[in-house]
Amino acid sequence: MVEVITGDYKGQQGKVLEIIVKKDQTIVEGVNIISKHTKPNQKNQQGGILKKESPIHISNVLPVDPKTGKASRIGRRISEKNNKLVRYAKNSGEELK
């Protein structure tokens, strides 16, 4: 889960559907909806206007803190349980999955 921190969709939360690494962009569920006009074809016999998510820059989203439910910056530290590097929310100290 991430929260949009800037732009027209500021404050909205959604699940990450895809990350486009080469362009540093991400597609978030229910955010940055566009209308795509399509002609009738084999897949879509009817044609018409389709609503779909468009990518936004990855710097415009922050992961959601599982404890508070709000956007939080991320840190990294070595886990006490298994001595592996894990990500954690800086607001609450909670580990992220």
PDB file of N, CA and C in Angstrom:
ATOM      1  N   MET A   1       0.841  -1.185   0.000  1.00  0.00           N
ATOM      2  CA  MET A   1       0.000   0.000   0.000  1.00  0.00           C
ATOM      3  C   MET A   1       0.886   1.248   0.000  1.00  0.00           C
ATOM      4  N   VAL A   2       0.474   2.220  -0.809  1.00  0.00           N
ATOM      5  CA  VAL A   2       1.187   3.488  -0.866  1.00  0.00           C
ATOM      6  C   VAL A   2       0.183   4.635  -0.807  1.00  0.00           C
ATOM      7  N   GLU A   3       0.679   5.824  -0.483  1.00  0.00           N
ATOM      8  CA  GLU A   3      -0.146   7.030  -0.470  1.00  0.00           C
ATOM      9  C   GLU A   3       0.489   8.054  -1.398  1.00  0.00           C
ATOM     10  N   VAL A   4      -0.342   8.713  -2.207  1.00  0.00           N
ATOM     11  CA  VAL A   4       0.136   9.749  -3.111  1.00  0.00           C
ATOM     12  C   VAL A   4       0.366  11.018  -2.289  1.00  0.00           C
ATOM     13  N   ILE A   5       1.548  11.612  -2.407  1.00  0.00           N
ATOM     14  CA  ILE A   5       1.885  12.756  -1.563  1.00  0.00           C
ATOM     15  C   ILE A   5       1.845  14.086  -2.303  1.00  0.00           C
ATOM     16  N   THR A   6       1.677  14.079  -3.615  1.00  0.00           N
ATOM     17  CA  THR A   6       1.618  15.316  -4.377  1.00  0.00           C
ATOM     18  C   THR A   6       0.810  15.121  -5.648  1.00  0.00           C
ATOM     19  N   GLY A   7       0.300  16.206  -6.205  1.00  0.00           N
ATOM     20  CA  GLY A   7      -0.440  16.153  -7.447  1.00  0.00           C
ATOM     21  C   GLY A   7      -1.941  16.154  -7.229  1.00  0.00           C
ATOM     22  N   ASP A   8      -2.684  15.863  -8.294  1.00  0.00           N
ATOM     23  CA  ASP A   8      -4.149  15.897  -8.262  1.00  0.00           C
ATOM     24  C   ASP A   8      -4.734  14.851  -7.322  1.00  0.00           C
ATOM     25  N   TYR A   9      -4.046  13.759  -7.111  1.00  0.00           N
ATOM     26  CA  TYR A   9      -4.566  12.654  -6.297  1.00  0.00           C
ATOM     27  C   TYR A   9      -3.935  12.614  -4.906  1.00  0.00           C
ATOM     28  N   LYS A  10      -3.453  13.758  -4.428  1.00  0.00           N
ATOM     29  CA  LYS A  10      -2.787  13.844  -3.127  1.00  0.00           C
ATOM     30  C   LYS A  10      -3.699  13.324  -2.022  1.00  0.00           C
ATOM     31  N   GLY A  11      -3.150  12.451  -1.174  1.00  0.00           N
ATOM     32  CA  GLY A  11      -3.894  11.907  -0.045  1.00  0.00           C
ATOM     33  C   GLY A  11      -4.581  10.583  -0.322  1.00  0.00           C
ATOM     34  N   GLN A  12      -4.682  10.174  -1.582  1.00  0.00           N
ATOM     35  CA  GLN A  12      -5.330   8.898  -1.900  1.00  0.00           C
ATOM     36  C   GLN A  12      -4.356   7.745  -1.682  1.00  0.00           C
ATOM     37  N   GLN A  13      -4.901   6.637  -1.201  1.00  0.00           N
ATOM     38  CA  GLN A  13      -4.098   5.439  -0.988  1.00  0.00           C
ATOM     39  C   GLN A  13      -4.541   4.349  -1.940  1.00  0.00           C
ATOM     40  N   GLY A  14      -3.616   3.482  -2.298  1.00  0.00           N
ATOM     41  CA  GLY A  14      -3.948   2.376  -3.177  1.00  0.00           C
ATOM     42  C   GLY A  14      -2.842   1.341  -3.189  1.00  0.00           C
ATOM     43  N   LYS A  15      -3.159   0.212  -3.783  1.00  0.00           N
ATOM     44  CA  LYS A  15      -2.217  -0.896  -3.884  1.00  0.00           C
ATOM     45  C   LYS A  15      -1.382  -0.723  -5.154  1.00  0.00           C
ATOM     46  N   VAL A  16      -0.101  -1.017  -5.073  1.00  0.00           N
ATOM     47  CA  VAL A  16       0.782  -0.918  -6.231  1.00  0.00           C
ATOM     48  C   VAL A  16       0.500  -2.104  -7.149  1.00  0.00           C
ATOM     49  N   LEU A  17       0.130  -1.805  -8.406  1.00  0.00           N
ATOM     50  CA  LEU A  17      -0.145  -2.858  -9.368  1.00  0.00           C
ATOM     51  C   LEU A  17       1.097  -3.231 -10.172  1.00  0.00           C
ATOM     52  N   GLU A  18       1.918  -2.213 -10.469  1.00  0.00           N
ATOM     53  CA  GLU A  18       3.092  -2.461 -11.305  1.00  0.00           C
ATOM     54  C   GLU A  18       4.120  -1.364 -11.060  1.00  0.00           C
ATOM     55  N   ILE A  19       5.392  -1.723 -11.171  1.00  0.00           N
ATOM     56  CA  ILE A  19       6.476  -0.753 -11.094  1.00  0.00           C
ATOM     57  C   ILE A  19       7.244  -0.812 -12.405  1.00  0.00           C
ATOM     58  N   ILE A  20       7.405   0.349 -13.040  1.00  0.00           N
ATOM     59  CA  ILE A  20       8.153   0.453 -14.290  1.00  0.00           C
ATOM     60  C   ILE A  20       9.530   1.001 -13.939  1.00  0.00           C
ATOM     61  N   VAL A  21      10.509   0.122 -13.837  1.00  0.00           N
ATOM     62  CA  VAL A  21      11.827   0.472 -13.317  1.00  0.00           C
ATOM     63  C   VAL A  21      12.570   1.416 -14.257  1.00  0.00           C
ATOM     64  N   LYS A  22      12.496   1.193 -15.556  1.00  0.00           N
ATOM     65  CA  LYS A  22      13.253   2.000 -16.508  1.00  0.00           C
ATOM     66  C   LYS A  22      12.828   3.464 -16.498  1.00  0.00           C
ATOM     67  N   LYS A  23      11.564   3.738 -16.212  1.00  0.00           N
ATOM     68  CA  LYS A  23      11.059   5.112 -16.213  1.00  0.00           C
ATOM     69  C   LYS A  23      10.845   5.659 -14.806  1.00  0.00           C
ATOM     70  N   ASP A  24      11.174   4.890 -13.771  1.00  0.00           N
ATOM     71  CA  ASP A  24      10.946   5.284 -12.373  1.00  0.00           C
ATOM     72  C   ASP A  24       9.486   5.662 -12.136  1.00  0.00           C
ATOM     73  N   GLN A  25       8.582   4.833 -12.622  1.00  0.00           N
ATOM     74  CA  GLN A  25       7.158   5.093 -12.472  1.00  0.00           C
ATOM     75  C   GLN A  25       6.464   3.891 -11.848  1.00  0.00           C
ATOM     76  N   THR A  26       5.272   4.143 -11.307  1.00  0.00           N
ATOM     77  CA  THR A  26       4.481   3.078 -10.712  1.00  0.00           C
ATOM     78  C   THR A  26       3.020   3.267 -11.088  1.00  0.00           C
ATOM     79  N   ILE A  27       2.284   2.169 -11.140  1.00  0.00           N
ATOM     80  CA  ILE A  27       0.848   2.207 -11.390  1.00  0.00           C
ATOM     81  C   ILE A  27       0.169   1.823 -10.089  1.00  0.00           C
ATOM     82  N   VAL A  28      -0.673   2.740  -9.580  1.00  0.00           N
ATOM     83  CA  VAL A  28      -1.352   2.548  -8.306  1.00  0.00           C
ATOM     84  C   VAL A  28      -2.845   2.373  -8.579  1.00  0.00           C
ATOM     85  N   GLU A  29      -3.443   1.390  -7.922  1.00  0.00           N
ATOM     86  CA  GLU A  29      -4.852   1.061  -8.120  1.00  0.00           C
ATOM     87  C   GLU A  29      -5.753   2.235  -7.736  1.00  0.00           C
ATOM     88  N   GLY A  30      -6.598   2.675  -8.669  1.00  0.00           N
ATOM     89  CA  GLY A  30      -7.564   3.733  -8.409  1.00  0.00           C
ATOM     90  C   GLY A  30      -7.012   5.142  -8.439  1.00  0.00           C
ATOM     91  N   VAL A  31      -5.770   5.317  -8.874  1.00  0.00           N
ATOM     92  CA  VAL A  31      -5.133   6.628  -8.902  1.00  0.00           C
ATOM     93  C   VAL A  31      -4.716   6.961 -10.331  1.00  0.00           C
ATOM     94  N   ASN A  32      -4.862   8.229 -10.717  1.00  0.00           N
ATOM     95  CA  ASN A  32      -4.479   8.733 -12.035  1.00  0.00           C
ATOM     96  C   ASN A  32      -5.238   7.997 -13.147  1.00  0.00           C
ATOM     97  N   ILE A  33      -6.564   7.986 -13.050  1.00  0.00           N
ATOM     98  CA  ILE A  33      -7.424   7.311 -14.017  1.00  0.00           C
ATOM     99  C   ILE A  33      -7.501   8.136 -15.299  1.00  0.00           C
ATOM    100  N   ILE A  34      -7.314   7.473 -16.450  1.00  0.00           N
ATOM    101  CA  ILE A  34      -7.443   8.136 -17.737  1.00  0.00           C
ATOM    102  C   ILE A  34      -8.534   7.450 -18.540  1.00  0.00           C
ATOM    103  N   SER A  35      -9.063   8.159 -19.538  1.00  0.00           N
ATOM    104  CA  SER A  35     -10.047   7.598 -20.460  1.00  0.00           C
ATOM    105  C   SER A  35      -9.335   7.297 -21.768  1.00  0.00           C
ATOM    106  N   LYS A  36      -9.353   6.039 -22.176  1.00  0.00           N
ATOM    107  CA  LYS A  36      -8.697   5.637 -23.412  1.00  0.00           C
ATOM    108  C   LYS A  36      -9.766   5.280 -24.436  1.00  0.00           C
ATOM    109  N   HIS A  37      -9.749   5.953 -25.582  1.00  0.00           N
ATOM    110  CA  HIS A  37     -10.707   5.701 -26.649  1.00  0.00           C
ATOM    111  C   HIS A  37     -10.173   4.578 -27.529  1.00  0.00           C
ATOM    112  N   THR A  38     -10.990   3.541 -27.749  1.00  0.00           N
ATOM    113  CA  THR A  38     -10.547   2.393 -28.537  1.00  0.00           C
ATOM    114  C   THR A  38     -11.512   2.120 -29.676  1.00  0.00           C
ATOM    115  N   LYS A  39     -10.948   1.679 -30.783  1.00  0.00           N
ATOM    116  CA  LYS A  39     -11.765   1.255 -31.926  1.00  0.00           C
ATOM    117  C   LYS A  39     -12.204  -0.185 -31.699  1.00  0.00           C
ATOM    118  N   PRO A  40     -13.284  -0.608 -32.318  1.00  0.00           N
ATOM    119  CA  PRO A  40     -13.671  -2.021 -32.223  1.00  0.00           C
ATOM    120  C   PRO A  40     -12.579  -2.906 -32.843  1.00  0.00           C
ATOM    121  N   ASN A  41     -12.278  -4.037 -32.178  1.00  0.00           N
ATOM    122  CA  ASN A  41     -11.294  -4.982 -32.691  1.00  0.00           C
ATOM    123  C   ASN A  41     -11.679  -6.387 -32.240  1.00  0.00           C
ATOM    124  N   GLN A  42     -10.810  -7.364 -32.466  1.00  0.00           N
ATOM    125  CA  GLN A  42     -11.112  -8.749 -32.122  1.00  0.00           C
ATOM    126  C   GLN A  42     -11.353  -8.926 -30.624  1.00  0.00           C
ATOM    127  N   LYS A  43     -10.512  -8.294 -29.802  1.00  0.00           N
ATOM    128  CA  LYS A  43     -10.666  -8.429 -28.353  1.00  0.00           C
ATOM    129  C   LYS A  43     -11.888  -7.696 -27.846  1.00  0.00           C
ATOM    130  N   ASN A  44     -12.083  -6.474 -28.309  1.00  0.00           N
ATOM    131  CA  ASN A  44     -13.158  -5.617 -27.835  1.00  0.00           C
ATOM    132  C   ASN A  44     -14.085  -5.297 -29.008  1.00  0.00           C
ATOM    133  N   GLN A  45     -15.096  -6.112 -29.214  1.00  0.00           N
ATOM    134  CA  GLN A  45     -16.013  -5.971 -30.348  1.00  0.00           C
ATOM    135  C   GLN A  45     -16.752  -4.634 -30.318  1.00  0.00           C
ATOM    136  N   GLN A  46     -17.071  -4.155 -29.135  1.00  0.00           N
ATOM    137  CA  GLN A  46     -17.872  -2.949 -28.968  1.00  0.00           C
ATOM    138  C   GLN A  46     -17.052  -1.679 -29.226  1.00  0.00           C
ATOM    139  N   GLY A  47     -15.790  -1.654 -28.758  1.00  0.00           N
ATOM    140  CA  GLY A  47     -15.007  -0.422 -28.823  1.00  0.00           C
ATOM    141  C   GLY A  47     -15.473   0.520 -27.722  1.00  0.00           C
ATOM    142  N   GLY A  48     -15.164   1.798 -27.820  1.00  0.00           N
ATOM    143  CA  GLY A  48     -15.662   2.774 -26.865  1.00  0.00           C
ATOM    144  C   GLY A  48     -14.571   3.344 -25.971  1.00  0.00           C
ATOM    145  N   ILE A  49     -14.985   3.837 -24.819  1.00  0.00           N
ATOM    146  CA  ILE A  49     -14.077   4.506 -23.894  1.00  0.00           C
ATOM    147  C   ILE A  49     -13.781   3.589 -22.712  1.00  0.00           C
ATOM    148  N   LEU A  50     -12.506   3.318 -22.465  1.00  0.00           N
ATOM    149  CA  LEU A  50     -12.077   2.487 -21.348  1.00  0.00           C
ATOM    150  C   LEU A  50     -11.432   3.359 -20.284  1.00  0.00           C
ATOM    151  N   LYS A  51     -11.705   3.089 -19.026  1.00  0.00           N
ATOM    152  CA  LYS A  51     -11.064   3.787 -17.911  1.00  0.00           C
ATOM    153  C   LYS A  51      -9.945   2.887 -17.396  1.00  0.00           C
ATOM    154  N   LYS A  52      -8.742   3.441 -17.247  1.00  0.00           N
ATOM    155  CA  LYS A  52      -7.621   2.659 -16.742  1.00  0.00           C
ATOM    156  C   LYS A  52      -6.651   3.550 -15.997  1.00  0.00           C
ATOM    157  N   GLU A  53      -5.794   2.921 -15.159  1.00  0.00           N
ATOM    158  CA  GLU A  53      -4.799   3.647 -14.384  1.00  0.00           C
ATOM    159  C   GLU A  53      -3.607   4.001 -15.267  1.00  0.00           C
ATOM    160  N   SER A  54      -3.074   5.174 -15.043  1.00  0.00           N
ATOM    161  CA  SER A  54      -1.899   5.637 -15.761  1.00  0.00           C
ATOM    162  C   SER A  54      -0.734   5.728 -14.771  1.00  0.00           C
ATOM    163  N   PRO A  55       0.508   5.568 -15.228  1.00  0.00           N
ATOM    164  CA  PRO A  55       1.646   5.611 -14.315  1.00  0.00           C
ATOM    165  C   PRO A  55       1.874   7.002 -13.722  1.00  0.00           C
ATOM    166  N   ILE A  56       2.392   7.042 -12.490  1.00  0.00           N
ATOM    167  CA  ILE A  56       2.848   8.282 -11.873  1.00  0.00           C
ATOM    168  C   ILE A  56       4.280   8.063 -11.406  1.00  0.00           C
ATOM    169  N   HIS A  57       5.015   9.151 -11.241  1.00  0.00           N
ATOM    170  CA  HIS A  57       6.421   9.027 -10.859  1.00  0.00           C
ATOM    171  C   HIS A  57       6.532   8.463  -9.448  1.00  0.00           C
ATOM    172  N   ILE A  58       7.513   7.629  -9.249  1.00  0.00           N
ATOM    173  CA  ILE A  58       7.660   6.912  -7.978  1.00  0.00           C
ATOM    174  C   ILE A  58       8.001   7.860  -6.827  1.00  0.00           C
ATOM    175  N   SER A  59       8.533   9.044  -7.127  1.00  0.00           N
ATOM    176  CA  SER A  59       8.863  10.000  -6.072  1.00  0.00           C
ATOM    177  C   SER A  59       7.612  10.658  -5.501  1.00  0.00           C
ATOM    178  N   ASN A  60       6.466  10.480  -6.148  1.00  0.00           N
ATOM    179  CA  ASN A  60       5.220  11.089  -5.695  1.00  0.00           C
ATOM    180  C   ASN A  60       4.412  10.176  -4.777  1.00  0.00           C
ATOM    181  N   VAL A  61       4.952   9.030  -4.395  1.00  0.00           N
ATOM    182  CA  VAL A  61       4.254   8.119  -3.486  1.00  0.00           C
ATOM    183  C   VAL A  61       5.162   7.736  -2.322  1.00  0.00           C
ATOM    184  N   LEU A  62       4.537   7.444  -1.172  1.00  0.00           N
ATOM    185  CA  LEU A  62       5.246   6.948   0.001  1.00  0.00           C
ATOM    186  C   LEU A  62       4.527   5.710   0.519  1.00  0.00           C
ATOM    187  N   PRO A  63       5.266   4.729   1.009  1.00  0.00           N
ATOM    188  CA  PRO A  63       4.618   3.556   1.600  1.00  0.00           C
ATOM    189  C   PRO A  63       3.783   3.936   2.822  1.00  0.00           C
ATOM    190  N   VAL A  64       2.725   3.164   3.068  1.00  0.00           N
ATOM    191  CA  VAL A  64       1.842   3.410   4.205  1.00  0.00           C
ATOM    192  C   VAL A  64       2.349   2.636   5.408  1.00  0.00           C
ATOM    193  N   ASP A  65       2.421   3.330   6.545  1.00  0.00           N
ATOM    194  CA  ASP A  65       2.839   2.714   7.805  1.00  0.00           C
ATOM    195  C   ASP A  65       1.743   1.746   8.254  1.00  0.00           C
ATOM    196  N   PRO A  66       2.051   0.452   8.473  1.00  0.00           N
ATOM    197  CA  PRO A  66       1.005  -0.510   8.847  1.00  0.00           C
ATOM    198  C   PRO A  66       0.370  -0.225  10.211  1.00  0.00           C
ATOM    199  N   LYS A  67       1.090   0.445  11.084  1.00  0.00           N
ATOM    200  CA  LYS A  67       0.573   0.708  12.425  1.00  0.00           C
ATOM    201  C   LYS A  67      -0.387   1.897  12.444  1.00  0.00           C
ATOM    202  N   THR A  68      -0.017   3.003  11.768  1.00  0.00           N
ATOM    203  CA  THR A  68      -0.823   4.217  11.811  1.00  0.00           C
ATOM    204  C   THR A  68      -1.750   4.377  10.619  1.00  0.00           C
ATOM    205  N   GLY A  69      -1.448   3.734   9.494  1.00  0.00           N
ATOM    206  CA  GLY A  69      -2.270   3.866   8.305  1.00  0.00           C
ATOM    207  C   GLY A  69      -1.991   5.138   7.525  1.00  0.00           C
ATOM    208  N   LYS A  70      -0.895   5.833   7.839  1.00  0.00           N
ATOM    209  CA  LYS A  70      -0.523   7.067   7.145  1.00  0.00           C
ATOM    210  C   LYS A  70       0.806   6.862   6.437  1.00  0.00           C
ATOM    211  N   ALA A  71       1.112   7.768   5.506  1.00  0.00           N
ATOM    212  CA  ALA A  71       2.367   7.693   4.772  1.00  0.00           C
ATOM    213  C   ALA A  71       3.543   7.917   5.715  1.00  0.00           C
ATOM    214  N   SER A  72       4.618   7.191   5.480  1.00  0.00           N
ATOM    215  CA  SER A  72       5.791   7.296   6.342  1.00  0.00           C
ATOM    216  C   SER A  72       7.055   7.126   5.514  1.00  0.00           C
ATOM    217  N   ARG A  73       8.105   7.818   5.918  1.00  0.00           N
ATOM    218  CA  ARG A  73       9.396   7.602   5.279  1.00  0.00           C
ATOM    219  C   ARG A  73       9.937   6.245   5.711  1.00  0.00           C
ATOM    220  N   ILE A  74      10.906   5.748   4.948  1.00  0.00           N
ATOM    221  CA  ILE A  74      11.407   4.393   5.154  1.00  0.00           C
ATOM    222  C   ILE A  74      12.879   4.438   5.547  1.00  0.00           C
ATOM    223  N   GLY A  75      13.261   3.588   6.496  1.00  0.00           N
ATOM    224  CA  GLY A  75      14.653   3.416   6.868  1.00  0.00           C
ATOM    225  C   GLY A  75      15.023   1.950   6.735  1.00  0.00           C
ATOM    226  N   ARG A  76      16.315   1.652   6.877  1.00  0.00           N
ATOM    227  CA  ARG A  76      16.777   0.262   6.819  1.00  0.00           C
ATOM    228  C   ARG A  76      17.634  -0.007   8.031  1.00  0.00           C
ATOM    229  N   ARG A  77      17.471  -1.186   8.585  1.00  0.00           N
ATOM    230  CA  ARG A  77      18.278  -1.587   9.733  1.00  0.00           C
ATOM    231  C   ARG A  77      18.420  -3.100   9.739  1.00  0.00           C
ATOM    232  N   ILE A  78      19.338  -3.583  10.536  1.00  0.00           N
ATOM    233  CA  ILE A  78      19.552  -5.023  10.648  1.00  0.00           C
ATOM    234  C   ILE A  78      18.568  -5.572  11.671  1.00  0.00           C
ATOM    235  N   SER A  79      17.845  -6.601  11.270  1.00  0.00           N
ATOM    236  CA  SER A  79      16.842  -7.217  12.137  1.00  0.00           C
ATOM    237  C   SER A  79      17.516  -7.945  13.295  1.00  0.00           C
ATOM    238  N   GLU A  80      16.904  -7.851  14.474  1.00  0.00           N
ATOM    239  CA  GLU A  80      17.446  -8.533  15.644  1.00  0.00           C
ATOM    240  C   GLU A  80      17.179 -10.032  15.602  1.00  0.00           C
ATOM    241  N   LYS A  81      16.115 -10.432  14.904  1.00  0.00           N
ATOM    242  CA  LYS A  81      15.724 -11.844  14.866  1.00  0.00           C
ATOM    243  C   LYS A  81      16.679 -12.693  14.029  1.00  0.00           C
ATOM    244  N   ASN A  82      16.942 -12.219  12.783  1.00  0.00           N
ATOM    245  CA  ASN A  82      17.719 -13.069  11.882  1.00  0.00           C
ATOM    246  C   ASN A  82      18.925 -12.365  11.250  1.00  0.00           C
ATOM    247  N   ASN A  83      19.317 -11.216  11.764  1.00  0.00           N
ATOM    248  CA  ASN A  83      20.480 -10.471  11.277  1.00  0.00           C
ATOM    249  C   ASN A  83      20.439 -10.189   9.780  1.00  0.00           C
ATOM    250  N   LYS A  84      19.256  -9.877   9.262  1.00  0.00           N
ATOM    251  CA  LYS A  84      19.108  -9.492   7.866  1.00  0.00           C
ATOM    252  C   LYS A  84      18.665  -8.041   7.804  1.00  0.00           C
ATOM    253  N   LEU A  85      18.955  -7.391   6.682  1.00  0.00           N
ATOM    254  CA  LEU A  85      18.572  -6.006   6.483  1.00  0.00           C
ATOM    255  C   LEU A  85      17.081  -5.934   6.173  1.00  0.00           C
ATOM    256  N   VAL A  86      16.330  -5.144   6.947  1.00  0.00           N
ATOM    257  CA  VAL A  86      14.884  -5.008   6.744  1.00  0.00           C
ATOM    258  C   VAL A  86      14.526  -3.535   6.644  1.00  0.00           C
ATOM    259  N   ARG A  87      13.400  -3.252   5.981  1.00  0.00           N
ATOM    260  CA  ARG A  87      12.885  -1.884   5.889  1.00  0.00           C
ATOM    261  C   ARG A  87      11.932  -1.650   7.053  1.00  0.00           C
ATOM    262  N   TYR A  88      11.905  -0.411   7.565  1.00  0.00           N
ATOM    263  CA  TYR A  88      10.992  -0.086   8.650  1.00  0.00           C
ATOM    264  C   TYR A  88      10.436   1.318   8.447  1.00  0.00           C
ATOM    265  N   ALA A  89       9.251   1.570   8.997  1.00  0.00           N
ATOM    266  CA  ALA A  89       8.625   2.880   8.920  1.00  0.00           C
ATOM    267  C   ALA A  89       9.241   3.774   9.984  1.00  0.00           C
ATOM    268  N   LYS A  90       9.678   4.958   9.586  1.00  0.00           N
ATOM    269  CA  LYS A  90      10.359   5.843  10.524  1.00  0.00           C
ATOM    270  C   LYS A  90       9.400   6.436  11.558  1.00  0.00           C
ATOM    271  N   ASN A  91       8.094   6.542  11.231  1.00  0.00           N
ATOM    272  CA  ASN A  91       7.129   7.112  12.176  1.00  0.00           C
ATOM    273  C   ASN A  91       6.937   6.224  13.398  1.00  0.00           C
ATOM    274  N   SER A  92       6.737   4.930  13.163  1.00  0.00           N
ATOM    275  CA  SER A  92       6.396   4.032  14.269  1.00  0.00           C
ATOM    276  C   SER A  92       7.483   3.013  14.598  1.00  0.00           C
ATOM    277  N   GLY A  93       8.439   2.811  13.708  1.00  0.00           N
ATOM    278  CA  GLY A  93       9.470   1.800  13.929  1.00  0.00           C
ATOM    279  C   GLY A  93       9.040   0.407  13.515  1.00  0.00           C
ATOM    280  N   GLU A  94       7.844   0.269  12.969  1.00  0.00           N
ATOM    281  CA  GLU A  94       7.284  -1.008  12.546  1.00  0.00           C
ATOM    282  C   GLU A  94       7.996  -1.503  11.262  1.00  0.00           C
ATOM    283  N   GLU A  95       8.299  -2.811  11.204  1.00  0.00           N
ATOM    284  CA  GLU A  95       8.926  -3.384  10.016  1.00  0.00           C
ATOM    285  C   GLU A  95       7.918  -3.497   8.897  1.00  0.00           C
ATOM    286  N   LEU A  96       8.381  -3.264   7.662  1.00  0.00           N
ATOM    287  CA  LEU A  96       7.537  -3.384   6.470  1.00  0.00           C
ATOM    288  C   LEU A  96       7.816  -4.704   5.782  1.00  0.00           C
ATOM    289  N   LYS A  97       6.809  -5.213   5.113  1.00  0.00           N
ATOM    290  CA  LYS A  97       6.950  -6.477   4.393  1.00  0.00           C
ATOM    291  C   LYS A  97       7.182  -6.205   2.935  1.00  0.00           C
TER     292      LYS A  97
END
